[in-house]
Amino acid sequence: MTGPSTPYRPPHGPIAVIHRDDHLLVVDKPQGLLSVPGRGPDLTDCLLARLAAIWPEVLLCHRLDRDTSGIMVFALTKEGQRKMGRMFEVRRVRKRYIARVAGRVAAPSGTIDLPLIVDWPNRPLQHVNHETGKPAVTDWTRVAHEGDTTRMRLMPRTGRSHQLRVHMRELGHPILGDPFYATGAALDHPRMMLHAEGLKFEHPVTGKVMRLEAPVPF
């Protein structure tokens, strides 16, 4: 998402392809590039459009926030899109993210179970709401302390908008560089330190177990 104080300046350069077959195209989305077009003529440049210039048949299966980098799956056939979309919907895709967060996380691991819903007066921001929020669950593991920050491995069980970003803030350790949920020194970073590192799923057509990764750039 594009915030009011973050003008859209998408990066240039080729998109790294992680995997391609007759049905799927898996790429490494760079930070700062929209997954799909935004509203307005200045937000038309996006990952989907860039891939469609090379593979006109490409179809969207899921999204990453503009400021999140990492692994994204697209389909090259209607069958692949339908089945892949269904697997995301019923949570048969295991997702793994790496984040750097503010502060030194004390516990080695944990689970955050806090329901989320859009904060309508401040959309697209999300917030915790125990009455009307949709279930949102994130498992996390501390990887390492790095000075006064912590490297974390995040495994969302659900796929709510901004889930990892809100959950880390609620843990008391916002993601570094997050333009929506970090404040003060935690905001003062050249990018949001959140990267979709890995996906594991059964290929929607062949049934082969796919374990795919995008290298962490920070």
N, C-alpha and C. Protein backbone atom coordinates (compact mmCIF):
# COMPACT_ATOMS: atom_id res chain seq x y z
N MET A 1 0.84 -1.19 0.00
CA MET A 1 0.00 0.00 0.00
C MET A 1 0.88 1.25 0.00
N THR A 2 0.39 2.32 -0.55
CA THR A 2 1.14 3.55 -0.63
C THR A 2 0.59 4.54 0.38
N GLY A 3 1.41 4.96 1.31
CA GLY A 3 0.98 5.90 2.32
C GLY A 3 1.09 7.32 1.83
N PRO A 4 0.44 8.27 2.52
CA PRO A 4 0.42 9.65 2.08
C PRO A 4 1.80 10.30 2.07
N SER A 5 2.73 9.81 2.91
CA SER A 5 4.06 10.41 2.99
C SER A 5 5.11 9.57 2.28
N THR A 6 4.69 8.59 1.53
CA THR A 6 5.65 7.73 0.85
C THR A 6 5.36 7.72 -0.64
N PRO A 7 5.92 8.67 -1.40
CA PRO A 7 5.68 8.71 -2.84
C PRO A 7 6.14 7.43 -3.51
N TYR A 8 5.46 7.10 -4.58
CA TYR A 8 5.72 5.83 -5.27
C TYR A 8 6.89 5.99 -6.22
N ARG A 9 8.00 5.37 -5.87
CA ARG A 9 9.20 5.37 -6.72
C ARG A 9 9.65 3.92 -6.88
N PRO A 10 9.00 3.18 -7.76
CA PRO A 10 9.31 1.75 -7.89
C PRO A 10 10.72 1.52 -8.39
N PRO A 11 11.34 0.45 -7.93
CA PRO A 11 12.69 0.14 -8.40
C PRO A 11 12.68 -0.35 -9.85
N HIS A 12 13.83 -0.22 -10.49
CA HIS A 12 13.98 -0.69 -11.86
C HIS A 12 14.86 -1.94 -11.88
N GLY A 13 14.99 -2.54 -13.02
CA GLY A 13 15.82 -3.73 -13.13
C GLY A 13 15.00 -4.97 -13.35
N PRO A 14 15.64 -6.06 -13.76
CA PRO A 14 14.93 -7.31 -14.06
C PRO A 14 14.34 -7.95 -12.80
N ILE A 15 13.28 -8.70 -12.99
CA ILE A 15 12.64 -9.46 -11.90
C ILE A 15 13.25 -10.86 -11.87
N ALA A 16 13.75 -11.27 -10.71
CA ALA A 16 14.37 -12.58 -10.58
C ALA A 16 13.31 -13.68 -10.60
N VAL A 17 13.48 -14.65 -11.49
CA VAL A 17 12.57 -15.79 -11.59
C VAL A 17 13.12 -16.93 -10.74
N ILE A 18 12.31 -17.43 -9.83
CA ILE A 18 12.71 -18.53 -8.94
C ILE A 18 12.31 -19.87 -9.52
N HIS A 19 11.15 -19.93 -10.17
CA HIS A 19 10.66 -21.19 -10.75
C HIS A 19 9.66 -20.86 -11.85
N ARG A 20 9.70 -21.65 -12.92
CA ARG A 20 8.70 -21.52 -13.98
C ARG A 20 8.44 -22.89 -14.59
N ASP A 21 7.15 -23.21 -14.77
CA ASP A 21 6.77 -24.42 -15.48
C ASP A 21 5.55 -24.10 -16.33
N ASP A 22 4.84 -25.10 -16.80
CA ASP A 22 3.71 -24.85 -17.69
C ASP A 22 2.56 -24.12 -16.99
N HIS A 23 2.49 -24.22 -15.67
CA HIS A 23 1.34 -23.69 -14.94
C HIS A 23 1.67 -22.56 -13.98
N LEU A 24 2.91 -22.51 -13.47
CA LEU A 24 3.26 -21.55 -12.42
C LEU A 24 4.49 -20.72 -12.80
N LEU A 25 4.50 -19.50 -12.30
CA LEU A 25 5.65 -18.61 -12.40
C LEU A 25 5.89 -18.05 -11.00
N VAL A 26 7.07 -18.30 -10.45
CA VAL A 26 7.40 -17.86 -9.10
C VAL A 26 8.57 -16.88 -9.19
N VAL A 27 8.40 -15.69 -8.62
CA VAL A 27 9.41 -14.65 -8.75
C VAL A 27 9.73 -14.04 -7.39
N ASP A 28 10.80 -13.24 -7.37
CA ASP A 28 11.23 -12.52 -6.18
C ASP A 28 10.84 -11.05 -6.37
N LYS A 29 9.78 -10.62 -5.69
CA LYS A 29 9.31 -9.23 -5.84
C LYS A 29 10.26 -8.28 -5.11
N PRO A 30 10.73 -7.24 -5.79
CA PRO A 30 11.57 -6.27 -5.09
C PRO A 30 10.76 -5.38 -4.16
N GLN A 31 11.40 -4.91 -3.11
CA GLN A 31 10.77 -3.96 -2.20
C GLN A 31 10.44 -2.68 -2.95
N GLY A 32 9.29 -2.10 -2.65
CA GLY A 32 8.91 -0.83 -3.24
C GLY A 32 8.09 -0.92 -4.50
N LEU A 33 7.84 -2.13 -5.00
CA LEU A 33 7.06 -2.33 -6.22
C LEU A 33 5.68 -2.89 -5.85
N LEU A 34 4.62 -2.25 -6.33
CA LEU A 34 3.28 -2.77 -6.10
C LEU A 34 3.10 -4.13 -6.75
N SER A 35 2.32 -5.00 -6.11
CA SER A 35 2.00 -6.29 -6.72
C SER A 35 1.06 -6.12 -7.90
N VAL A 36 0.07 -5.24 -7.74
CA VAL A 36 -0.95 -4.97 -8.76
C VAL A 36 -1.10 -3.45 -8.88
N PRO A 37 -1.74 -2.97 -9.94
CA PRO A 37 -1.86 -1.52 -10.08
C PRO A 37 -2.63 -0.89 -8.93
N GLY A 38 -2.21 0.33 -8.57
CA GLY A 38 -2.95 1.10 -7.59
C GLY A 38 -3.95 2.01 -8.27
N ARG A 39 -4.58 2.84 -7.50
CA ARG A 39 -5.56 3.78 -8.05
C ARG A 39 -4.84 5.02 -8.55
N GLY A 40 -5.07 5.38 -9.80
CA GLY A 40 -4.44 6.56 -10.36
C GLY A 40 -3.37 6.22 -11.39
N PRO A 41 -3.14 7.11 -12.34
CA PRO A 41 -2.20 6.83 -13.42
C PRO A 41 -0.76 6.72 -12.96
N ASP A 42 -0.43 7.28 -11.80
CA ASP A 42 0.95 7.21 -11.30
C ASP A 42 1.24 5.89 -10.60
N LEU A 43 0.24 5.01 -10.49
CA LEU A 43 0.43 3.74 -9.78
C LEU A 43 0.19 2.54 -10.70
N THR A 44 0.38 2.73 -11.99
CA THR A 44 0.14 1.63 -12.94
C THR A 44 1.31 0.66 -13.01
N ASP A 45 2.52 1.14 -12.75
CA ASP A 45 3.69 0.26 -12.79
C ASP A 45 3.62 -0.70 -11.61
N CYS A 46 3.64 -2.00 -11.90
CA CYS A 46 3.52 -2.99 -10.84
C CYS A 46 4.14 -4.30 -11.32
N LEU A 47 4.29 -5.24 -10.40
CA LEU A 47 4.89 -6.52 -10.75
C LEU A 47 4.05 -7.27 -11.77
N LEU A 48 2.74 -7.28 -11.60
CA LEU A 48 1.88 -7.99 -12.54
C LEU A 48 2.06 -7.45 -13.96
N ALA A 49 2.09 -6.12 -14.11
CA ALA A 49 2.24 -5.52 -15.43
C ALA A 49 3.60 -5.84 -16.04
N ARG A 50 4.64 -5.83 -15.23
CA ARG A 50 5.98 -6.13 -15.75
C ARG A 50 6.08 -7.58 -16.21
N LEU A 51 5.46 -8.48 -15.45
CA LEU A 51 5.50 -9.89 -15.86
C LEU A 51 4.64 -10.12 -17.11
N ALA A 52 3.50 -9.41 -17.20
CA ALA A 52 2.61 -9.58 -18.36
C ALA A 52 3.27 -9.10 -19.65
N ALA A 53 4.23 -8.20 -19.54
CA ALA A 53 4.95 -7.75 -20.73
C ALA A 53 5.80 -8.87 -21.31
N ILE A 54 6.17 -9.84 -20.47
CA ILE A 54 6.98 -10.98 -20.91
C ILE A 54 6.12 -12.22 -21.12
N TRP A 55 5.21 -12.46 -20.17
CA TRP A 55 4.28 -13.60 -20.25
C TRP A 55 2.86 -13.05 -20.24
N PRO A 56 2.27 -12.77 -21.39
CA PRO A 56 0.94 -12.13 -21.44
C PRO A 56 -0.16 -12.94 -20.75
N GLU A 57 0.07 -14.24 -20.58
CA GLU A 57 -0.95 -15.09 -19.98
C GLU A 57 -0.90 -15.10 -18.45
N VAL A 58 0.02 -14.35 -17.84
CA VAL A 58 0.24 -14.43 -16.39
C VAL A 58 -1.01 -14.00 -15.62
N LEU A 59 -1.28 -14.71 -14.50
CA LEU A 59 -2.48 -14.49 -13.68
C LEU A 59 -2.09 -14.39 -12.21
N LEU A 60 -2.76 -13.50 -11.49
CA LEU A 60 -2.45 -13.26 -10.08
C LEU A 60 -2.99 -14.39 -9.20
N CYS A 61 -2.20 -14.80 -8.20
CA CYS A 61 -2.64 -15.81 -7.22
C CYS A 61 -2.75 -15.24 -5.80
N HIS A 62 -1.88 -14.29 -5.45
CA HIS A 62 -1.91 -13.66 -4.12
C HIS A 62 -1.11 -12.37 -4.23
N ARG A 63 -0.96 -11.66 -3.12
CA ARG A 63 -0.29 -10.36 -3.15
C ARG A 63 0.70 -10.24 -2.00
N LEU A 64 1.65 -9.34 -2.18
CA LEU A 64 2.48 -8.84 -1.10
C LEU A 64 2.33 -7.33 -1.04
N ASP A 65 2.46 -6.76 0.16
CA ASP A 65 2.44 -5.31 0.29
C ASP A 65 3.56 -4.70 -0.55
N ARG A 66 3.36 -3.46 -0.95
CA ARG A 66 4.37 -2.77 -1.76
C ARG A 66 5.74 -2.80 -1.09
N ASP A 67 5.79 -2.56 0.21
CA ASP A 67 7.08 -2.42 0.89
C ASP A 67 7.66 -3.74 1.37
N THR A 68 6.97 -4.85 1.11
CA THR A 68 7.49 -6.18 1.42
C THR A 68 8.14 -6.76 0.17
N SER A 69 9.32 -7.34 0.34
CA SER A 69 9.98 -8.03 -0.78
C SER A 69 9.78 -9.53 -0.64
N GLY A 70 10.11 -10.26 -1.70
CA GLY A 70 10.16 -11.70 -1.57
C GLY A 70 9.30 -12.49 -2.53
N ILE A 71 9.09 -13.73 -2.19
CA ILE A 71 8.57 -14.75 -3.09
C ILE A 71 7.08 -14.56 -3.36
N MET A 72 6.72 -14.58 -4.64
CA MET A 72 5.33 -14.47 -5.07
C MET A 72 5.05 -15.49 -6.16
N VAL A 73 3.86 -16.10 -6.08
CA VAL A 73 3.44 -17.11 -7.05
C VAL A 73 2.41 -16.51 -7.99
N PHE A 74 2.63 -16.68 -9.29
CA PHE A 74 1.66 -16.34 -10.32
C PHE A 74 1.33 -17.61 -11.10
N ALA A 75 0.18 -17.61 -11.75
CA ALA A 75 -0.22 -18.74 -12.59
C ALA A 75 -0.04 -18.38 -14.06
N LEU A 76 0.20 -19.40 -14.87
CA LEU A 76 0.28 -19.23 -16.32
C LEU A 76 -0.88 -19.90 -17.04
N THR A 77 -1.77 -20.54 -16.26
CA THR A 77 -2.98 -21.13 -16.82
C THR A 77 -4.14 -20.87 -15.86
N LYS A 78 -5.35 -20.88 -16.39
CA LYS A 78 -6.53 -20.71 -15.55
C LYS A 78 -6.64 -21.81 -14.49
N GLU A 79 -6.30 -23.04 -14.89
CA GLU A 79 -6.34 -24.15 -13.94
C GLU A 79 -5.37 -23.92 -12.80
N GLY A 80 -4.16 -23.48 -13.14
CA GLY A 80 -3.17 -23.21 -12.11
C GLY A 80 -3.62 -22.12 -11.17
N GLN A 81 -4.23 -21.06 -11.71
CA GLN A 81 -4.70 -19.96 -10.87
C GLN A 81 -5.83 -20.41 -9.95
N ARG A 82 -6.78 -21.15 -10.49
CA ARG A 82 -7.93 -21.58 -9.70
C ARG A 82 -7.49 -22.48 -8.54
N LYS A 83 -6.64 -23.44 -8.84
CA LYS A 83 -6.22 -24.39 -7.81
C LYS A 83 -5.25 -23.75 -6.81
N MET A 84 -4.37 -22.89 -7.31
CA MET A 84 -3.43 -22.23 -6.41
C MET A 84 -4.16 -21.27 -5.49
N GLY A 85 -5.12 -20.52 -6.05
CA GLY A 85 -5.91 -19.61 -5.24
C GLY A 85 -6.67 -20.34 -4.15
N ARG A 86 -7.19 -21.50 -4.49
CA ARG A 86 -7.92 -22.30 -3.51
C ARG A 86 -6.99 -22.77 -2.38
N MET A 87 -5.76 -23.13 -2.73
CA MET A 87 -4.81 -23.58 -1.70
C MET A 87 -4.46 -22.45 -0.73
N PHE A 88 -4.30 -21.23 -1.24
CA PHE A 88 -4.09 -20.10 -0.35
C PHE A 88 -5.31 -19.90 0.54
N GLU A 89 -6.48 -20.03 -0.04
CA GLU A 89 -7.73 -19.79 0.68
C GLU A 89 -7.92 -20.77 1.83
N VAL A 90 -7.59 -22.03 1.61
CA VAL A 90 -7.80 -23.05 2.65
C VAL A 90 -6.53 -23.32 3.45
N ARG A 91 -5.54 -22.45 3.28
CA ARG A 91 -4.32 -22.46 4.10
C ARG A 91 -3.48 -23.72 3.91
N ARG A 92 -3.35 -24.13 2.67
CA ARG A 92 -2.49 -25.28 2.36
C ARG A 92 -1.14 -24.83 1.81
N VAL A 93 -0.86 -23.54 1.93
CA VAL A 93 0.44 -23.00 1.54
C VAL A 93 1.14 -22.53 2.81
N ARG A 94 2.30 -23.11 3.09
CA ARG A 94 3.06 -22.71 4.28
C ARG A 94 3.99 -21.57 3.90
N LYS A 95 3.86 -20.45 4.63
CA LYS A 95 4.61 -19.23 4.31
C LYS A 95 5.61 -18.92 5.42
N ARG A 96 6.77 -18.46 5.01
CA ARG A 96 7.82 -18.11 5.98
C ARG A 96 8.42 -16.75 5.61
N TYR A 97 8.45 -15.86 6.58
CA TYR A 97 8.99 -14.52 6.38
C TYR A 97 10.17 -14.29 7.32
N ILE A 98 11.06 -13.39 6.92
CA ILE A 98 12.11 -12.90 7.80
C ILE A 98 11.86 -11.41 8.01
N ALA A 99 11.99 -10.98 9.27
CA ALA A 99 11.82 -9.57 9.60
C ALA A 99 12.90 -9.14 10.58
N ARG A 100 13.23 -7.87 10.52
CA ARG A 100 14.03 -7.26 11.58
C ARG A 100 13.11 -6.29 12.32
N VAL A 101 13.09 -6.43 13.64
CA VAL A 101 12.16 -5.64 14.44
C VAL A 101 12.92 -4.81 15.47
N ALA A 102 12.27 -3.78 15.96
CA ALA A 102 12.86 -2.91 16.96
C ALA A 102 12.96 -3.61 18.31
N GLY A 103 14.05 -3.38 19.01
CA GLY A 103 14.21 -3.91 20.35
C GLY A 103 14.74 -5.34 20.36
N ARG A 104 15.06 -5.81 21.55
CA ARG A 104 15.58 -7.16 21.74
C ARG A 104 14.45 -8.05 22.27
N VAL A 105 13.95 -8.92 21.42
CA VAL A 105 12.86 -9.82 21.80
C VAL A 105 13.40 -10.83 22.81
N ALA A 106 12.73 -10.93 23.96
CA ALA A 106 13.26 -11.75 25.05
C ALA A 106 12.98 -13.23 24.86
N ALA A 107 11.76 -13.59 24.51
CA ALA A 107 11.38 -15.01 24.41
C ALA A 107 11.94 -15.61 23.11
N PRO A 108 12.23 -16.92 23.10
CA PRO A 108 12.76 -17.55 21.89
C PRO A 108 11.72 -17.79 20.81
N SER A 109 10.44 -17.90 21.20
CA SER A 109 9.39 -18.17 20.22
C SER A 109 8.04 -17.88 20.85
N GLY A 110 7.02 -17.89 20.02
CA GLY A 110 5.68 -17.65 20.54
C GLY A 110 4.64 -17.64 19.43
N THR A 111 3.41 -17.40 19.80
CA THR A 111 2.29 -17.31 18.86
C THR A 111 1.45 -16.09 19.21
N ILE A 112 1.09 -15.33 18.20
CA ILE A 112 0.21 -14.17 18.37
C ILE A 112 -1.13 -14.52 17.75
N ASP A 113 -2.18 -14.41 18.57
CA ASP A 113 -3.54 -14.71 18.11
C ASP A 113 -4.40 -13.49 18.41
N LEU A 114 -4.43 -12.56 17.44
CA LEU A 114 -5.17 -11.31 17.62
C LEU A 114 -5.96 -11.03 16.34
N PRO A 115 -7.30 -10.93 16.44
CA PRO A 115 -8.13 -10.71 15.25
C PRO A 115 -7.95 -9.30 14.70
N LEU A 116 -7.99 -9.18 13.37
CA LEU A 116 -7.72 -7.90 12.70
C LEU A 116 -8.87 -7.49 11.81
N ILE A 117 -9.02 -6.17 11.66
CA ILE A 117 -10.00 -5.61 10.74
C ILE A 117 -9.49 -4.25 10.30
N VAL A 118 -9.94 -3.80 9.14
CA VAL A 118 -9.50 -2.50 8.63
C VAL A 118 -9.95 -1.39 9.57
N ASP A 119 -9.06 -0.41 9.77
CA ASP A 119 -9.36 0.78 10.56
C ASP A 119 -9.93 1.81 9.59
N TRP A 120 -11.26 1.79 9.41
CA TRP A 120 -11.90 2.53 8.32
C TRP A 120 -11.53 4.00 8.26
N PRO A 121 -11.52 4.75 9.38
CA PRO A 121 -11.14 6.17 9.27
C PRO A 121 -9.70 6.37 8.79
N ASN A 122 -8.86 5.34 8.95
CA ASN A 122 -7.45 5.45 8.61
C ASN A 122 -7.01 4.39 7.61
N ARG A 123 -7.96 3.87 6.80
CA ARG A 123 -7.60 2.81 5.87
C ARG A 123 -6.50 3.27 4.92
N PRO A 124 -5.57 2.40 4.52
CA PRO A 124 -5.67 0.94 4.62
C PRO A 124 -5.10 0.33 5.91
N LEU A 125 -4.89 1.15 6.95
CA LEU A 125 -4.37 0.59 8.19
C LEU A 125 -5.35 -0.44 8.76
N GLN A 126 -4.78 -1.42 9.46
CA GLN A 126 -5.55 -2.46 10.13
C GLN A 126 -5.35 -2.30 11.64
N HIS A 127 -6.29 -2.84 12.42
CA HIS A 127 -6.11 -2.81 13.87
C HIS A 127 -6.77 -4.03 14.50
N VAL A 128 -6.40 -4.27 15.74
CA VAL A 128 -6.95 -5.40 16.49
C VAL A 128 -8.35 -5.05 16.96
N ASN A 129 -9.30 -5.97 16.73
CA ASN A 129 -10.67 -5.78 17.20
C ASN A 129 -11.23 -7.13 17.59
N HIS A 130 -11.44 -7.34 18.89
CA HIS A 130 -11.88 -8.65 19.37
C HIS A 130 -13.35 -8.91 19.11
N GLU A 131 -14.12 -7.87 18.75
CA GLU A 131 -15.54 -8.06 18.47
C GLU A 131 -15.80 -8.34 17.00
N THR A 132 -15.21 -7.57 16.11
CA THR A 132 -15.51 -7.69 14.68
C THR A 132 -14.33 -8.12 13.83
N GLY A 133 -13.16 -8.28 14.41
CA GLY A 133 -11.98 -8.66 13.64
C GLY A 133 -12.04 -10.10 13.14
N LYS A 134 -11.32 -10.36 12.05
CA LYS A 134 -11.21 -11.71 11.51
C LYS A 134 -10.01 -12.41 12.14
N PRO A 135 -10.11 -13.73 12.36
CA PRO A 135 -9.01 -14.45 13.01
C PRO A 135 -7.68 -14.22 12.29
N ALA A 136 -6.64 -13.98 13.08
CA ALA A 136 -5.30 -13.78 12.55
C ALA A 136 -4.30 -14.39 13.53
N VAL A 137 -3.51 -15.34 13.06
CA VAL A 137 -2.59 -16.08 13.93
C VAL A 137 -1.21 -16.11 13.28
N THR A 138 -0.19 -15.75 14.05
CA THR A 138 1.19 -15.75 13.58
C THR A 138 2.07 -16.50 14.56
N ASP A 139 2.79 -17.51 14.10
CA ASP A 139 3.84 -18.14 14.88
C ASP A 139 5.16 -17.41 14.61
N TRP A 140 5.97 -17.24 15.62
CA TRP A 140 7.24 -16.55 15.41
C TRP A 140 8.37 -17.22 16.19
N THR A 141 9.58 -17.05 15.66
CA THR A 141 10.79 -17.56 16.30
C THR A 141 11.86 -16.49 16.24
N ARG A 142 12.52 -16.27 17.34
CA ARG A 142 13.65 -15.33 17.37
C ARG A 142 14.85 -16.00 16.72
N VAL A 143 15.43 -15.34 15.72
CA VAL A 143 16.60 -15.87 15.03
C VAL A 143 17.88 -15.38 15.69
N ALA A 144 17.98 -14.07 15.92
CA ALA A 144 19.20 -13.52 16.51
C ALA A 144 18.96 -12.09 16.96
N HIS A 145 19.66 -11.69 18.03
CA HIS A 145 19.72 -10.28 18.39
C HIS A 145 20.79 -9.62 17.54
N GLU A 146 20.47 -8.45 17.00
CA GLU A 146 21.42 -7.70 16.19
C GLU A 146 21.48 -6.28 16.76
N GLY A 147 22.39 -6.06 17.70
CA GLY A 147 22.43 -4.79 18.41
C GLY A 147 21.17 -4.62 19.22
N ASP A 148 20.48 -3.49 19.02
CA ASP A 148 19.22 -3.27 19.74
C ASP A 148 18.02 -3.64 18.89
N THR A 149 18.22 -4.52 17.92
CA THR A 149 17.13 -5.04 17.09
C THR A 149 17.16 -6.57 17.13
N THR A 150 16.13 -7.19 16.56
CA THR A 150 16.04 -8.65 16.55
C THR A 150 15.63 -9.13 15.17
N ARG A 151 16.31 -10.16 14.71
CA ARG A 151 15.91 -10.83 13.47
C ARG A 151 14.93 -11.94 13.84
N MET A 152 13.79 -11.96 13.14
CA MET A 152 12.70 -12.88 13.47
C MET A 152 12.30 -13.71 12.26
N ARG A 153 11.86 -14.94 12.53
CA ARG A 153 11.23 -15.77 11.50
C ARG A 153 9.74 -15.81 11.83
N LEU A 154 8.91 -15.42 10.86
CA LEU A 154 7.47 -15.31 11.07
C LEU A 154 6.74 -16.29 10.17
N MET A 155 5.84 -17.06 10.74
CA MET A 155 5.09 -18.07 9.99
C MET A 155 3.59 -17.81 10.19
N PRO A 156 2.97 -17.03 9.31
CA PRO A 156 1.54 -16.75 9.47
C PRO A 156 0.69 -17.97 9.15
N ARG A 157 -0.26 -18.26 10.02
CA ARG A 157 -1.22 -19.34 9.73
C ARG A 157 -2.39 -18.80 8.91
N THR A 158 -2.66 -17.51 9.02
CA THR A 158 -3.72 -16.85 8.27
C THR A 158 -3.08 -15.80 7.37
N GLY A 159 -3.86 -15.19 6.50
CA GLY A 159 -3.31 -14.24 5.54
C GLY A 159 -4.02 -12.91 5.53
N ARG A 160 -4.21 -12.31 6.69
CA ARG A 160 -4.89 -11.01 6.77
C ARG A 160 -3.97 -9.89 6.28
N SER A 161 -4.59 -8.85 5.76
CA SER A 161 -3.84 -7.69 5.32
C SER A 161 -3.05 -7.09 6.48
N HIS A 162 -1.77 -6.84 6.24
CA HIS A 162 -0.88 -6.23 7.23
C HIS A 162 -0.72 -7.08 8.49
N GLN A 163 -1.05 -8.36 8.41
CA GLN A 163 -1.06 -9.20 9.62
C GLN A 163 0.27 -9.17 10.37
N LEU A 164 1.36 -9.44 9.68
CA LEU A 164 2.65 -9.52 10.36
C LEU A 164 3.06 -8.16 10.92
N ARG A 165 2.73 -7.12 10.20
CA ARG A 165 3.11 -5.78 10.61
C ARG A 165 2.38 -5.36 11.89
N VAL A 166 1.08 -5.63 11.94
CA VAL A 166 0.31 -5.28 13.14
C VAL A 166 0.69 -6.20 14.31
N HIS A 167 0.84 -7.48 14.04
CA HIS A 167 1.18 -8.41 15.11
C HIS A 167 2.53 -8.09 15.75
N MET A 168 3.52 -7.70 14.94
CA MET A 168 4.82 -7.34 15.53
C MET A 168 4.70 -6.06 16.36
N ARG A 169 3.92 -5.11 15.91
CA ARG A 169 3.71 -3.91 16.71
C ARG A 169 3.03 -4.26 18.03
N GLU A 170 2.01 -5.13 17.97
CA GLU A 170 1.31 -5.53 19.19
C GLU A 170 2.22 -6.31 20.14
N LEU A 171 3.22 -6.98 19.58
CA LEU A 171 4.21 -7.68 20.42
C LEU A 171 5.12 -6.68 21.12
N GLY A 172 5.09 -5.43 20.66
CA GLY A 172 5.96 -4.41 21.23
C GLY A 172 7.24 -4.23 20.46
N HIS A 173 7.32 -4.86 19.28
CA HIS A 173 8.54 -4.82 18.47
C HIS A 173 8.17 -4.58 17.01
N PRO A 174 7.85 -3.34 16.63
CA PRO A 174 7.45 -3.07 15.24
C PRO A 174 8.55 -3.39 14.25
N ILE A 175 8.15 -3.72 13.04
CA ILE A 175 9.11 -4.01 11.98
C ILE A 175 9.83 -2.72 11.61
N LEU A 176 11.14 -2.79 11.53
CA LEU A 176 11.95 -1.62 11.21
C LEU A 176 11.57 -1.07 9.84
N GLY A 177 11.43 0.25 9.75
CA GLY A 177 11.14 0.89 8.49
C GLY A 177 9.70 0.80 8.04
N ASP A 178 8.80 0.28 8.88
CA ASP A 178 7.40 0.16 8.49
C ASP A 178 6.76 1.54 8.45
N PRO A 179 6.34 2.02 7.27
CA PRO A 179 5.83 3.39 7.18
C PRO A 179 4.48 3.60 7.86
N PHE A 180 3.78 2.52 8.18
CA PHE A 180 2.46 2.63 8.80
C PHE A 180 2.48 2.36 10.30
N TYR A 181 3.28 1.43 10.76
CA TYR A 181 3.16 0.95 12.14
C TYR A 181 4.40 1.18 13.01
N ALA A 182 5.50 1.64 12.43
CA ALA A 182 6.68 1.96 13.22
C ALA A 182 6.71 3.45 13.50
N THR A 183 7.37 3.85 14.60
CA THR A 183 7.51 5.26 14.96
C THR A 183 8.93 5.50 15.44
N GLY A 184 9.31 6.77 15.49
CA GLY A 184 10.61 7.14 16.03
C GLY A 184 11.77 6.49 15.30
N ALA A 185 12.74 6.02 16.08
CA ALA A 185 13.94 5.43 15.49
C ALA A 185 13.64 4.19 14.67
N ALA A 186 12.58 3.46 15.03
CA ALA A 186 12.23 2.24 14.30
C ALA A 186 11.79 2.56 12.87
N LEU A 187 11.31 3.77 12.64
CA LEU A 187 10.86 4.16 11.31
C LEU A 187 12.01 4.60 10.42
N ASP A 188 13.12 4.97 11.03
CA ASP A 188 14.24 5.58 10.30
C ASP A 188 15.14 4.51 9.68
N HIS A 189 14.63 3.85 8.64
CA HIS A 189 15.39 2.83 7.92
C HIS A 189 15.12 2.97 6.43
N PRO A 190 16.07 2.55 5.59
CA PRO A 190 15.92 2.78 4.15
C PRO A 190 14.81 1.96 3.49
N ARG A 191 14.33 0.93 4.17
CA ARG A 191 13.25 0.11 3.64
C ARG A 191 12.55 -0.57 4.81
N MET A 192 11.37 -1.15 4.53
CA MET A 192 10.72 -1.97 5.54
C MET A 192 11.41 -3.33 5.57
N MET A 193 11.82 -3.74 6.75
CA MET A 193 12.61 -4.95 6.90
C MET A 193 11.71 -6.19 7.05
N LEU A 194 10.97 -6.47 5.99
CA LEU A 194 10.10 -7.64 5.94
C LEU A 194 10.25 -8.29 4.58
N HIS A 195 10.54 -9.59 4.59
CA HIS A 195 10.82 -10.31 3.34
C HIS A 195 10.15 -11.68 3.38
N ALA A 196 9.40 -11.98 2.32
CA ALA A 196 8.79 -13.31 2.18
C ALA A 196 9.86 -14.28 1.68
N GLU A 197 10.39 -15.07 2.60
CA GLU A 197 11.56 -15.89 2.29
C GLU A 197 11.21 -17.21 1.63
N GLY A 198 10.12 -17.86 2.07
CA GLY A 198 9.88 -19.21 1.58
C GLY A 198 8.42 -19.59 1.49
N LEU A 199 8.13 -20.51 0.58
CA LEU A 199 6.80 -21.10 0.44
C LEU A 199 6.96 -22.60 0.28
N LYS A 200 6.02 -23.35 0.89
CA LYS A 200 5.95 -24.79 0.69
C LYS A 200 4.51 -25.14 0.37
N PHE A 201 4.31 -25.87 -0.74
CA PHE A 201 2.97 -26.25 -1.15
C PHE A 201 3.06 -27.40 -2.14
N GLU A 202 1.93 -28.06 -2.36
CA GLU A 202 1.87 -29.07 -3.40
C GLU A 202 1.51 -28.39 -4.71
N HIS A 203 2.25 -28.72 -5.77
CA HIS A 203 1.97 -28.12 -7.07
C HIS A 203 0.50 -28.35 -7.42
N PRO A 204 -0.23 -27.30 -7.82
CA PRO A 204 -1.67 -27.44 -8.01
C PRO A 204 -2.08 -28.39 -9.12
N VAL A 205 -1.17 -28.72 -10.03
CA VAL A 205 -1.50 -29.61 -11.14
C VAL A 205 -0.78 -30.94 -11.04
N THR A 206 0.52 -30.91 -10.75
CA THR A 206 1.29 -32.16 -10.72
C THR A 206 1.27 -32.85 -9.35
N GLY A 207 0.98 -32.08 -8.28
CA GLY A 207 1.00 -32.65 -6.93
C GLY A 207 2.37 -32.72 -6.31
N LYS A 208 3.41 -32.34 -7.03
CA LYS A 208 4.77 -32.37 -6.49
C LYS A 208 4.91 -31.37 -5.35
N VAL A 209 5.61 -31.75 -4.27
CA VAL A 209 5.85 -30.84 -3.16
C VAL A 209 6.89 -29.81 -3.59
N MET A 210 6.51 -28.53 -3.49
CA MET A 210 7.38 -27.43 -3.90
C MET A 210 7.91 -26.74 -2.65
N ARG A 211 9.22 -26.60 -2.56
CA ARG A 211 9.86 -25.83 -1.49
C ARG A 211 10.71 -24.77 -2.18
N LEU A 212 10.26 -23.53 -2.12
CA LEU A 212 10.88 -22.46 -2.87
C LEU A 212 11.30 -21.34 -1.94
N GLU A 213 12.43 -20.70 -2.27
CA GLU A 213 12.96 -19.64 -1.41
C GLU A 213 13.45 -18.47 -2.23
N ALA A 214 13.38 -17.29 -1.62
CA ALA A 214 13.95 -16.07 -2.18
C ALA A 214 14.97 -15.54 -1.17
N PRO A 215 16.22 -15.30 -1.57
CA PRO A 215 17.24 -14.90 -0.60
C PRO A 215 16.89 -13.58 0.09
N VAL A 216 17.22 -13.51 1.38
CA VAL A 216 16.90 -12.34 2.18
C VAL A 216 17.89 -11.22 1.83
N PRO A 217 17.40 -10.03 1.47
CA PRO A 217 18.29 -8.96 1.03
C PRO A 217 18.81 -8.05 2.15
N PHE A 218 18.51 -8.39 3.41
CA PHE A 218 18.99 -7.54 4.52
C PHE A 218 19.44 -8.40 5.69
